[in-house]
C-alpha atoms as a PDB file:
ATOM      1  CA  MET A   1     -57.536 -16.007 239.135  1.00  0.00           C
ATOM      2  CA  LYS A   2     -59.492 -18.937 237.763  1.00  0.00           C
ATOM      3  CA  ARG A   3     -60.201 -18.642 234.012  1.00  0.00           C
ATOM      4  CA  LYS A   4     -60.838 -22.274 231.782  1.00  0.00           C
ATOM      5  CA  GLY A   5     -61.272 -24.404 235.066  1.00  0.00           C
ATOM      6  CA  ILE A   6     -56.846 -23.999 235.630  1.00  0.00           C
ATOM      7  CA  HIS A   7     -57.492 -24.434 239.383  1.00  0.00           C
ATOM      8  CA  CYS A   8     -55.264 -22.280 241.814  1.00  0.00           C
ATOM      9  CA  PRO A   9     -52.775 -22.045 243.155  1.00  0.00           C
ATOM     10  CA  THR A  10     -50.211 -20.328 240.560  1.00  0.00           C
ATOM     11  CA  ILE A  11     -46.994 -20.570 241.180  1.00  0.00           C
ATOM     12  CA  GLU A  12     -46.872 -17.183 242.041  1.00  0.00           C
ATOM     13  CA  ASP A  13     -49.287 -18.060 244.783  1.00  0.00           C
ATOM     14  CA  VAL A  14     -47.281 -21.320 245.956  1.00  0.00           C
ATOM     15  CA  ILE A  15     -44.131 -18.744 246.432  1.00  0.00           C
ATOM     16  CA  GLU A  16     -45.810 -16.435 248.975  1.00  0.00           C
ATOM     17  CA  ILE A  17     -47.962 -20.079 250.555  1.00  0.00           C
ATOM     18  CA  SER A  18     -44.157 -20.972 250.764  1.00  0.00           C
ATOM     19  CA  GLY A  19     -43.141 -18.092 253.251  1.00  0.00           C
ATOM     20  CA  ILE A  20     -39.443 -18.864 251.749  1.00  0.00           C
ATOM     21  CA  GLU A  21     -37.864 -15.441 250.393  1.00  0.00           C
ATOM     22  CA  THR A  22     -37.410 -15.745 246.717  1.00  0.00           C
ATOM     23  CA  LEU A  23     -36.495 -13.257 244.034  1.00  0.00           C
ATOM     24  CA  HIS A  24     -37.023 -12.725 240.157  1.00  0.00           C
ATOM     25  CA  PRO A  25     -35.350 -14.511 237.377  1.00  0.00           C
ATOM     26  CA  GLY A  26     -32.149 -13.388 237.665  1.00  0.00           C
ATOM     27  CA  GLY A  27     -31.571 -13.291 241.624  1.00  0.00           C
ATOM     28  CA  MET A  28     -29.635  -9.926 242.738  1.00  0.00           C
ATOM     29  CA  ALA A  29     -27.092 -10.209 239.530  1.00  0.00           C
ATOM     30  CA  LEU A  30     -29.707  -8.507 237.711  1.00  0.00           C
ATOM     31  CA  THR A  31     -31.088  -6.364 240.525  1.00  0.00           C
ATOM     32  CA  LYS A  32     -27.711  -4.685 240.495  1.00  0.00           C
ATOM     33  CA  ARG A  33     -27.972  -4.154 237.208  1.00  0.00           C
ATOM     34  CA  THR A  34     -31.329  -2.790 237.575  1.00  0.00           C
ATOM     35  CA  GLY A  35     -29.616  -0.167 239.894  1.00  0.00           C
ATOM     36  CA  GLN A  36     -27.087  -0.173 237.399  1.00  0.00           C
ATOM     37  CA  VAL A  37     -28.890   1.093 234.659  1.00  0.00           C
ATOM     38  CA  ALA A  38     -31.430   3.203 236.758  1.00  0.00           C
ATOM     39  CA  ALA A  39     -28.010   5.195 237.603  1.00  0.00           C
ATOM     40  CA  LEU A  40     -28.322   4.830 241.557  1.00  0.00           C
ATOM     41  CA  LYS A  41     -26.384   6.852 243.315  1.00  0.00           C
ATOM     42  CA  PRO A  42     -26.288   8.664 246.555  1.00  0.00           C
ATOM     43  CA  GLY A  43     -28.644  11.931 246.491  1.00  0.00           C
ATOM     44  CA  VAL A  44     -30.957   9.929 243.734  1.00  0.00           C
ATOM     45  CA  ARG A  45     -34.582   9.380 244.790  1.00  0.00           C
ATOM     46  CA  ALA A  46     -36.031   6.240 243.631  1.00  0.00           C
ATOM     47  CA  LEU A  47     -39.065   4.403 243.881  1.00  0.00           C
ATOM     48  CA  ASP A  48     -39.070   0.632 244.328  1.00  0.00           C
ATOM     49  CA  VAL A  49     -43.015  -0.626 243.126  1.00  0.00           C
ATOM     50  CA  SER A  50     -44.442  -3.660 244.613  1.00  0.00           C
ATOM     51  CA  THR A  51     -41.385  -3.629 246.793  1.00  0.00           C
ATOM     52  CA  GLY A  52     -42.823  -6.935 248.848  1.00  0.00           C
ATOM     53  CA  ARG A  53     -40.183  -7.390 251.491  1.00  0.00           C
ATOM     54  CA  GLY A  54     -38.636  -4.830 250.882  1.00  0.00           C
ATOM     55  CA  THR A  55     -35.451  -6.848 249.450  1.00  0.00           C
ATOM     56  CA  GLN A  56     -34.490  -4.733 246.365  1.00  0.00           C
ATOM     57  CA  ALA A  57     -34.729  -1.131 247.932  1.00  0.00           C
ATOM     58  CA  VAL A  58     -32.436  -2.403 250.950  1.00  0.00           C
ATOM     59  CA  TYR A  59     -30.246  -3.157 248.337  1.00  0.00           C
ATOM     60  CA  TYR A  60     -30.524   0.059 246.284  1.00  0.00           C
ATOM     61  CA  ALA A  61     -29.725   1.985 250.069  1.00  0.00           C
ATOM     62  CA  THR A  62     -27.146  -0.231 250.904  1.00  0.00           C
ATOM     63  CA  GLU A  63     -25.254  -0.651 247.653  1.00  0.00           C
ATOM     64  CA  PHE A  64     -25.727   2.638 245.407  1.00  0.00           C
ATOM     65  CA  GLY A  65     -26.568   4.957 248.460  1.00  0.00           C
ATOM     66  CA  ALA A  66     -29.607   6.184 247.286  1.00  0.00           C
ATOM     67  CA  HIS A  67     -32.661   7.324 249.161  1.00  0.00           C
ATOM     68  CA  VAL A  68     -35.489   4.478 248.425  1.00  0.00           C
ATOM     69  CA  THR A  69     -39.555   4.861 248.384  1.00  0.00           C
ATOM     70  CA  GLY A  70     -40.769   1.364 248.670  1.00  0.00           C
ATOM     71  CA  VAL A  71     -44.757   0.764 247.756  1.00  0.00           C
ATOM     72  CA  ASP A  72     -46.654  -1.978 247.969  1.00  0.00           C
ATOM     73  CA  LEU A  73     -50.396  -3.069 248.779  1.00  0.00           C
ATOM     74  CA  ALA A  74     -49.984  -5.998 251.376  1.00  0.00           C
ATOM     75  CA  GLU A  75     -49.587  -4.064 254.980  1.00  0.00           C
ATOM     76  CA  GLU A  76     -47.758  -7.940 255.893  1.00  0.00           C
ATOM     77  CA  MET A  77     -44.780  -7.019 253.202  1.00  0.00           C
ATOM     78  CA  LEU A  78     -44.032  -3.297 254.529  1.00  0.00           C
ATOM     79  CA  GLU A  79     -44.115  -4.657 257.985  1.00  0.00           C
ATOM     80  CA  SER A  80     -41.451  -7.212 257.129  1.00  0.00           C
ATOM     81  CA  ALA A  81     -39.806  -4.442 254.586  1.00  0.00           C
ATOM     82  CA  ARG A  82     -39.189  -2.156 257.634  1.00  0.00           C
ATOM     83  CA  ALA A  83     -38.135  -4.679 259.695  1.00  0.00           C
ATOM     84  CA  ASN A  84     -35.531  -5.795 257.245  1.00  0.00           C
ATOM     85  CA  ALA A  85     -34.515  -2.078 256.477  1.00  0.00           C
ATOM     86  CA  HIS A  86     -33.496  -1.629 260.458  1.00  0.00           C
ATOM     87  CA  ALA A  87     -31.697  -4.722 260.230  1.00  0.00           C
ATOM     88  CA  ALA A  88     -29.684  -3.457 257.317  1.00  0.00           C
ATOM     89  CA  GLY A  89     -29.096  -0.032 259.096  1.00  0.00           C
ATOM     90  CA  VAL A  90     -30.283   2.190 256.212  1.00  0.00           C
ATOM     91  CA  ALA A  91     -33.995   2.660 258.017  1.00  0.00           C
ATOM     92  CA  ASP A  92     -32.842   6.409 257.318  1.00  0.00           C
ATOM     93  CA  ARG A  93     -32.680   6.330 253.811  1.00  0.00           C
ATOM     94  CA  VAL A  94     -35.470   3.920 253.225  1.00  0.00           C
ATOM     95  CA  VAL A  95     -39.209   4.637 253.536  1.00  0.00           C
ATOM     96  CA  PHE A  96     -42.277   1.984 252.981  1.00  0.00           C
ATOM     97  CA  ARG A  97     -45.926   3.231 252.120  1.00  0.00           C
ATOM     98  CA  GLN A  98     -49.059   1.163 251.327  1.00  0.00           C
ATOM     99  CA  GLY A  99     -50.401   1.943 247.981  1.00  0.00           C
ATOM    100  CA  ASP A 100     -51.431   0.358 244.664  1.00  0.00           C
ATOM    101  CA  SER A 101     -48.989  -0.116 241.848  1.00  0.00           C
ATOM    102  CA  GLN A 102     -52.037   1.118 239.863  1.00  0.00           C
ATOM    103  CA  CYS A 103     -52.988   3.812 241.441  1.00  0.00           C
ATOM    104  CA  LEU A 104     -49.302   5.298 243.254  1.00  0.00           C
ATOM    105  CA  PRO A 105     -49.721   7.272 245.925  1.00  0.00           C
ATOM    106  CA  PHE A 106     -47.349  10.378 244.781  1.00  0.00           C
ATOM    107  CA  GLU A 107     -47.643  13.483 243.580  1.00  0.00           C
ATOM    108  CA  ASP A 108     -46.485  13.882 239.579  1.00  0.00           C
ATOM    109  CA  SER A 109     -42.685  13.962 239.513  1.00  0.00           C
ATOM    110  CA  THR A 110     -41.508  13.343 242.688  1.00  0.00           C
ATOM    111  CA  PHE A 111     -38.719  10.462 241.910  1.00  0.00           C
ATOM    112  CA  ASP A 112     -35.181  10.499 239.499  1.00  0.00           C
ATOM    113  CA  ALA A 113     -35.969   6.752 239.450  1.00  0.00           C
ATOM    114  CA  THR A 114     -38.819   4.472 239.363  1.00  0.00           C
ATOM    115  CA  ILE A 115     -38.300   0.494 239.297  1.00  0.00           C
ATOM    116  CA  ASN A 116     -40.408  -2.231 239.295  1.00  0.00           C
ATOM    117  CA  GLU A 117     -38.913  -5.631 239.365  1.00  0.00           C
ATOM    118  CA  CYS A 118     -40.944  -8.525 237.993  1.00  0.00           C
ATOM    119  CA  ALA A 119     -44.341  -7.371 239.172  1.00  0.00           C
ATOM    120  CA  VAL A 120     -45.745  -5.659 236.304  1.00  0.00           C
ATOM    121  CA  GLY A 121     -47.587  -7.825 234.865  1.00  0.00           C
ATOM    122  CA  ILE A 122     -49.329  -9.684 237.949  1.00  0.00           C
ATOM    123  CA  PRO A 123     -52.337  -6.479 238.712  1.00  0.00           C
ATOM    124  CA  ASP A 124     -55.143  -6.753 236.250  1.00  0.00           C
ATOM    125  CA  ASP A 125     -54.039  -3.749 234.027  1.00  0.00           C
ATOM    126  CA  SER A 126     -50.111  -3.751 233.279  1.00  0.00           C
ATOM    127  CA  GLN A 127     -50.837  -0.514 231.478  1.00  0.00           C
ATOM    128  CA  ALA A 128     -51.585   1.568 234.354  1.00  0.00           C
ATOM    129  CA  VAL A 129     -48.908   0.199 236.111  1.00  0.00           C
ATOM    130  CA  LEU A 130     -46.199   2.024 233.291  1.00  0.00           C
ATOM    131  CA  ASN A 131     -48.725   4.840 233.306  1.00  0.00           C
ATOM    132  CA  GLU A 132     -48.025   5.308 236.929  1.00  0.00           C
ATOM    133  CA  MET A 133     -44.450   4.685 237.215  1.00  0.00           C
ATOM    134  CA  ALA A 134     -43.934   6.902 234.679  1.00  0.00           C
ATOM    135  CA  ARG A 135     -46.083   9.860 235.746  1.00  0.00           C
ATOM    136  CA  VAL A 136     -44.513   9.959 239.294  1.00  0.00           C
ATOM    137  CA  THR A 137     -40.839  10.306 237.795  1.00  0.00           C
ATOM    138  CA  LYS A 138     -39.161  13.240 236.894  1.00  0.00           C
ATOM    139  CA  PRO A 139     -38.994  14.611 233.179  1.00  0.00           C
ATOM    140  CA  GLY A 140     -35.429  12.707 231.969  1.00  0.00           C
ATOM    141  CA  GLY A 141     -35.707  10.230 234.950  1.00  0.00           C
ATOM    142  CA  ILE A 142     -35.025   6.858 234.735  1.00  0.00           C
ATOM    143  CA  VAL A 143     -38.100   4.665 234.629  1.00  0.00           C
ATOM    144  CA  VAL A 144     -36.961   0.520 234.530  1.00  0.00           C
ATOM    145  CA  MET A 145     -38.634  -2.810 234.898  1.00  0.00           C
ATOM    146  CA  HIS A 146     -37.764  -6.354 233.870  1.00  0.00           C
ATOM    147  CA  GLU A 147     -41.043  -8.729 233.447  1.00  0.00           C
ATOM    148  CA  SER A 148     -41.359 -12.139 231.446  1.00  0.00           C
ATOM    149  CA  THR A 149     -41.573 -11.585 228.085  1.00  0.00           C
ATOM    150  CA  TRP A 150     -43.075 -14.492 225.545  1.00  0.00           C
ATOM    151  CA  ARG A 151     -40.280 -15.665 223.279  1.00  0.00           C
ATOM    152  CA  ALA A 152     -41.849 -17.569 220.365  1.00  0.00           C
ATOM    153  CA  LYS A 153     -45.520 -16.617 218.878  1.00  0.00           C
ATOM    154  CA  LEU A 154     -47.572 -18.613 220.616  1.00  0.00           C
ATOM    155  CA  SER A 155     -51.061 -18.678 219.977  1.00  0.00           C
ATOM    156  CA  GLY A 156     -53.703 -17.317 222.380  1.00  0.00           C
ATOM    157  CA  ASP A 157     -55.088 -20.611 224.337  1.00  0.00           C
ATOM    158  CA  GLU A 158     -51.226 -21.182 225.120  1.00  0.00           C
ATOM    159  CA  LYS A 159     -50.353 -17.828 226.830  1.00  0.00           C
ATOM    160  CA  GLU A 160     -53.599 -17.590 228.539  1.00  0.00           C
ATOM    161  CA  GLU A 161     -52.600 -21.511 230.172  1.00  0.00           C
ATOM    162  CA  ILE A 162     -49.241 -20.403 230.540  1.00  0.00           C
ATOM    163  CA  SER A 163     -49.737 -17.346 232.001  1.00  0.00           C
ATOM    164  CA  GLU A 164     -52.966 -18.538 234.464  1.00  0.00           C
ATOM    165  CA  ARG A 165     -50.435 -21.487 235.482  1.00  0.00           C
ATOM    166  CA  TYR A 166     -47.676 -18.776 236.140  1.00  0.00           C
ATOM    167  CA  GLY A 167     -49.895 -16.135 238.123  1.00  0.00           C
ATOM    168  CA  THR A 168     -48.417 -12.872 235.809  1.00  0.00           C
ATOM    169  CA  THR A 169     -49.016 -12.500 232.482  1.00  0.00           C
ATOM    170  CA  PRO A 170     -46.196 -11.488 229.853  1.00  0.00           C
ATOM    171  CA  LEU A 171     -46.168 -10.033 227.083  1.00  0.00           C
ATOM    172  CA  GLU A 172     -44.443  -9.993 223.420  1.00  0.00           C
ATOM    173  CA  PHE A 173     -41.698  -8.046 223.420  1.00  0.00           C
ATOM    174  CA  GLU A 174     -42.870  -5.614 220.952  1.00  0.00           C
ATOM    175  CA  GLU A 175     -46.082  -5.209 223.275  1.00  0.00           C
ATOM    176  CA  TRP A 176     -44.127  -4.524 226.070  1.00  0.00           C
ATOM    177  CA  ILE A 177     -41.978  -1.437 224.529  1.00  0.00           C
ATOM    178  CA  ARG A 178     -45.551  -0.067 222.941  1.00  0.00           C
ATOM    179  CA  ALA A 179     -46.802  -0.238 226.667  1.00  0.00           C
ATOM    180  CA  LEU A 180     -43.710   1.656 227.799  1.00  0.00           C
ATOM    181  CA  GLU A 181     -44.055   4.287 225.474  1.00  0.00           C
ATOM    182  CA  GLU A 182     -47.636   4.786 225.412  1.00  0.00           C
ATOM    183  CA  ALA A 183     -46.562   5.322 229.573  1.00  0.00           C
ATOM    184  CA  GLY A 184     -44.369   8.343 227.858  1.00  0.00           C
ATOM    185  CA  VAL A 185     -41.153   6.466 228.337  1.00  0.00           C
ATOM    186  CA  ALA A 186     -38.994   7.507 225.623  1.00  0.00           C
ATOM    187  CA  ASP A 187     -35.522   6.232 224.498  1.00  0.00           C
ATOM    188  CA  ILE A 188     -36.239   2.602 225.477  1.00  0.00           C
ATOM    189  CA  ARG A 189     -33.247   0.118 225.897  1.00  0.00           C
ATOM    190  CA  THR A 190     -33.360  -3.440 226.599  1.00  0.00           C
ATOM    191  CA  GLU A 191     -31.210  -6.853 227.545  1.00  0.00           C
ATOM    192  CA  PHE A 192     -33.012  -9.379 226.714  1.00  0.00           C
ATOM    193  CA  ASP A 193     -31.085 -12.949 225.889  1.00  0.00           C
ATOM    194  CA  GLU A 194     -28.974 -12.119 228.788  1.00  0.00           C
ATOM    195  CA  TRP A 195     -31.424 -13.154 231.217  1.00  0.00           C
ATOM    196  CA  SER A 196     -33.471 -15.615 229.217  1.00  0.00           C
ATOM    197  CA  LYS A 197     -31.232 -18.219 229.279  1.00  0.00           C
ATOM    198  CA  PRO A 198     -32.928 -21.284 231.391  1.00  0.00           C
ATOM    199  CA  GLU A 199     -30.422 -21.063 233.617  1.00  0.00           C
ATOM    200  CA  MET A 200     -30.707 -17.622 234.474  1.00  0.00           C
ATOM    201  CA  PHE A 201     -34.393 -18.301 235.173  1.00  0.00           C
ATOM    202  CA  TRP A 202     -33.990 -20.339 238.137  1.00  0.00           C
ATOM    203  CA  LYS A 203     -31.839 -17.821 239.965  1.00  0.00           C
ATOM    204  CA  ILE A 204     -33.820 -16.780 242.471  1.00  0.00           C
ATOM    205  CA  ARG A 205     -32.728 -17.249 245.752  1.00  0.00           C
ATOM    206  CA  ARG A 206     -30.946 -15.068 247.455  1.00  0.00           C
ATOM    207  CA  ASP A 207     -29.314 -17.687 250.228  1.00  0.00           C
ATOM    208  CA  ARG A 208     -27.748 -19.689 247.025  1.00  0.00           C
ATOM    209  CA  ASP A 209     -27.137 -20.286 243.733  1.00  0.00           C
ATOM    210  CA  VAL A 210     -29.961 -22.487 241.872  1.00  0.00           C
ATOM    211  CA  ASP A 211     -29.288 -23.588 238.031  1.00  0.00           C
ATOM    212  CA  HIS A 212     -32.524 -25.866 237.687  1.00  0.00           C
ATOM    213  CA  PRO A 213     -35.667 -25.627 238.871  1.00  0.00           C
ATOM    214  CA  SER A 214     -35.587 -28.639 241.180  1.00  0.00           C
ATOM    215  CA  ARG A 215     -32.917 -27.028 243.203  1.00  0.00           C
ATOM    216  CA  VAL A 216     -35.603 -23.999 243.431  1.00  0.00           C
ATOM    217  CA  PHE A 217     -36.456 -25.478 247.132  1.00  0.00           C
ATOM    218  CA  SER A 218     -34.381 -28.148 248.999  1.00  0.00           C
ATOM    219  CA  THR A 219     -36.592 -31.217 249.621  1.00  0.00           C
ATOM    220  CA  THR A 220     -37.535 -30.347 253.210  1.00  0.00           C
ATOM    221  CA  GLU A 221     -38.970 -26.430 251.877  1.00  0.00           C
ATOM    222  CA  ARG A 222     -41.056 -28.894 249.482  1.00  0.00           C
ATOM    223  CA  LEU A 223     -42.112 -30.813 252.065  1.00  0.00           C
ATOM    224  CA  ARG A 224     -43.172 -27.849 254.051  1.00  0.00           C
ATOM    225  CA  THR A 225     -44.931 -26.002 251.535  1.00  0.00           C
ATOM    226  CA  MET A 226     -46.928 -28.930 250.580  1.00  0.00           C
ATOM    227  CA  MET A 227     -48.350 -29.057 253.984  1.00  0.00           C
ATOM    228  CA  ARG A 228     -49.608 -25.573 253.420  1.00  0.00           C
ATOM    229  CA  VAL A 229     -51.418 -25.380 250.381  1.00  0.00           C
ATOM    230  CA  LEU A 230     -53.335 -28.616 250.955  1.00  0.00           C
ATOM    231  CA  PRO A 231     -55.443 -26.970 253.693  1.00  0.00           C
ATOM    232  CA  LYS A 232     -55.608 -24.359 251.635  1.00  0.00           C
ATOM    233  CA  PHE A 233     -56.238 -25.524 248.344  1.00  0.00           C
ATOM    234  CA  GLY A 234     -56.700 -29.557 249.291  1.00  0.00           C
ATOM    235  CA  LEU A 235     -54.938 -32.787 247.288  1.00  0.00           C
ATOM    236  CA  ARG A 236     -56.259 -31.332 244.360  1.00  0.00           C
ATOM    237  CA  GLY A 237     -54.046 -28.204 244.538  1.00  0.00           C
ATOM    238  CA  VAL A 238     -51.193 -29.851 246.028  1.00  0.00           C
ATOM    239  CA  LEU A 239     -51.091 -32.307 242.331  1.00  0.00           C
ATOM    240  CA  LYS A 240     -52.309 -28.948 239.941  1.00  0.00           C
ATOM    241  CA  ALA A 241     -49.285 -27.264 241.466  1.00  0.00           C
ATOM    242  CA  PHE A 242     -47.031 -29.990 240.510  1.00  0.00           C
ATOM    243  CA  GLU A 243     -48.766 -29.708 237.042  1.00  0.00           C
ATOM    244  CA  ASN A 244     -48.286 -25.993 236.664  1.00  0.00           C
ATOM    245  CA  ALA A 245     -44.553 -25.814 238.051  1.00  0.00           C
ATOM    246  CA  ASN A 246     -43.905 -28.419 235.103  1.00  0.00           C
ATOM    247  CA  LEU A 247     -45.760 -26.960 232.817  1.00  0.00           C
ATOM    248  CA  PHE A 248     -44.084 -23.956 233.353  1.00  0.00           C
ATOM    249  CA  PHE A 249     -40.830 -25.284 233.709  1.00  0.00           C
ATOM    250  CA  SER A 250     -40.925 -27.185 229.516  1.00  0.00           C
ATOM    251  CA  ALA A 251     -42.073 -23.401 228.301  1.00  0.00           C
ATOM    252  CA  VAL A 252     -39.014 -21.627 229.884  1.00  0.00           C
ATOM    253  CA  THR A 253     -36.540 -24.603 227.996  1.00  0.00           C
ATOM    254  CA  ALA A 254     -38.325 -25.246 225.270  1.00  0.00           C
ATOM    255  CA  GLY A 255     -37.691 -21.016 224.755  1.00  0.00           C
ATOM    256  CA  LYS A 256     -41.243 -20.030 224.653  1.00  0.00           C
ATOM    257  CA  LEU A 257     -40.798 -17.871 227.732  1.00  0.00           C
ATOM    258  CA  GLY A 258     -38.144 -15.498 228.601  1.00  0.00           C
ATOM    259  CA  TYR A 259     -37.098 -12.436 231.248  1.00  0.00           C
ATOM    260  CA  CYS A 260     -36.218  -8.734 229.988  1.00  0.00           C
ATOM    261  CA  LEU A 261     -35.063  -5.513 231.507  1.00  0.00           C
ATOM    262  CA  TYR A 262     -36.195  -2.716 230.074  1.00  0.00           C
ATOM    263  CA  TRP A 263     -34.972   0.800 230.554  1.00  0.00           C
ATOM    264  CA  GLY A 264     -35.908   4.619 229.442  1.00  0.00           C
ATOM    265  CA  ARG A 265     -36.097   8.175 230.333  1.00  0.00           C
ATOM    266  CA  ARG A 266     -39.342  10.146 231.089  1.00  0.00           C
ATOM    267  CA  ALA A 267     -40.019  12.190 227.984  1.00  0.00           C
ATOM    268  CA  ALA A 268     -40.719  16.065 228.742  1.00  0.00           C
END
């Protein structure tokens, strides 16, 4: 991803390169809330779109007793996800398949609930992701997503710059609502302010509580990540990574960027 001369790595790139397990803003507290609004329980068939290492899929099975299918484009992520499911003792209730979130490999009306945690805005076509999520959900079933959402009215250039540095594409609140409606989701409900507080944005570590961006990575983890970024992107890439992070953190603390949980039912 490269526009207007903005050099990779993006924040999403750095997190992936680090090899350190990180979650979305709100961390496991938001994952728990996601399972609640999805009405997960024993017997429910749920799809976890862009499942990554399967952290959320495994949680839905262990915490709520749901039968979960996780789908992701990266086979190496799925290998890790399967190992995590076995380690958690839920391999009988969690399965993983390779697939593109913009063209899901499932029949229409397959799942009782379809969930996407923080990955609708990463592919090229967010609308296609939501269309597919609704398509594979049974009529009356629940579609849930949470995503980065603009909190302030910004110019197109400023939105593009922040998005490029972040590595995903936030939309305005009304734009996400329209996209869900276009996909065929009705009775949409949201929680915005709860998850948009800056102190919630940094809670992306499962292994410890984080309340400030400077503590997302430890000093040792930062050094290790820099050494992984260096051979792939060079010194300029390392410097750009710090620059990107500072601009992103400033956008959150200035109230330009927030985070919202959205859910509704697939229209009949």
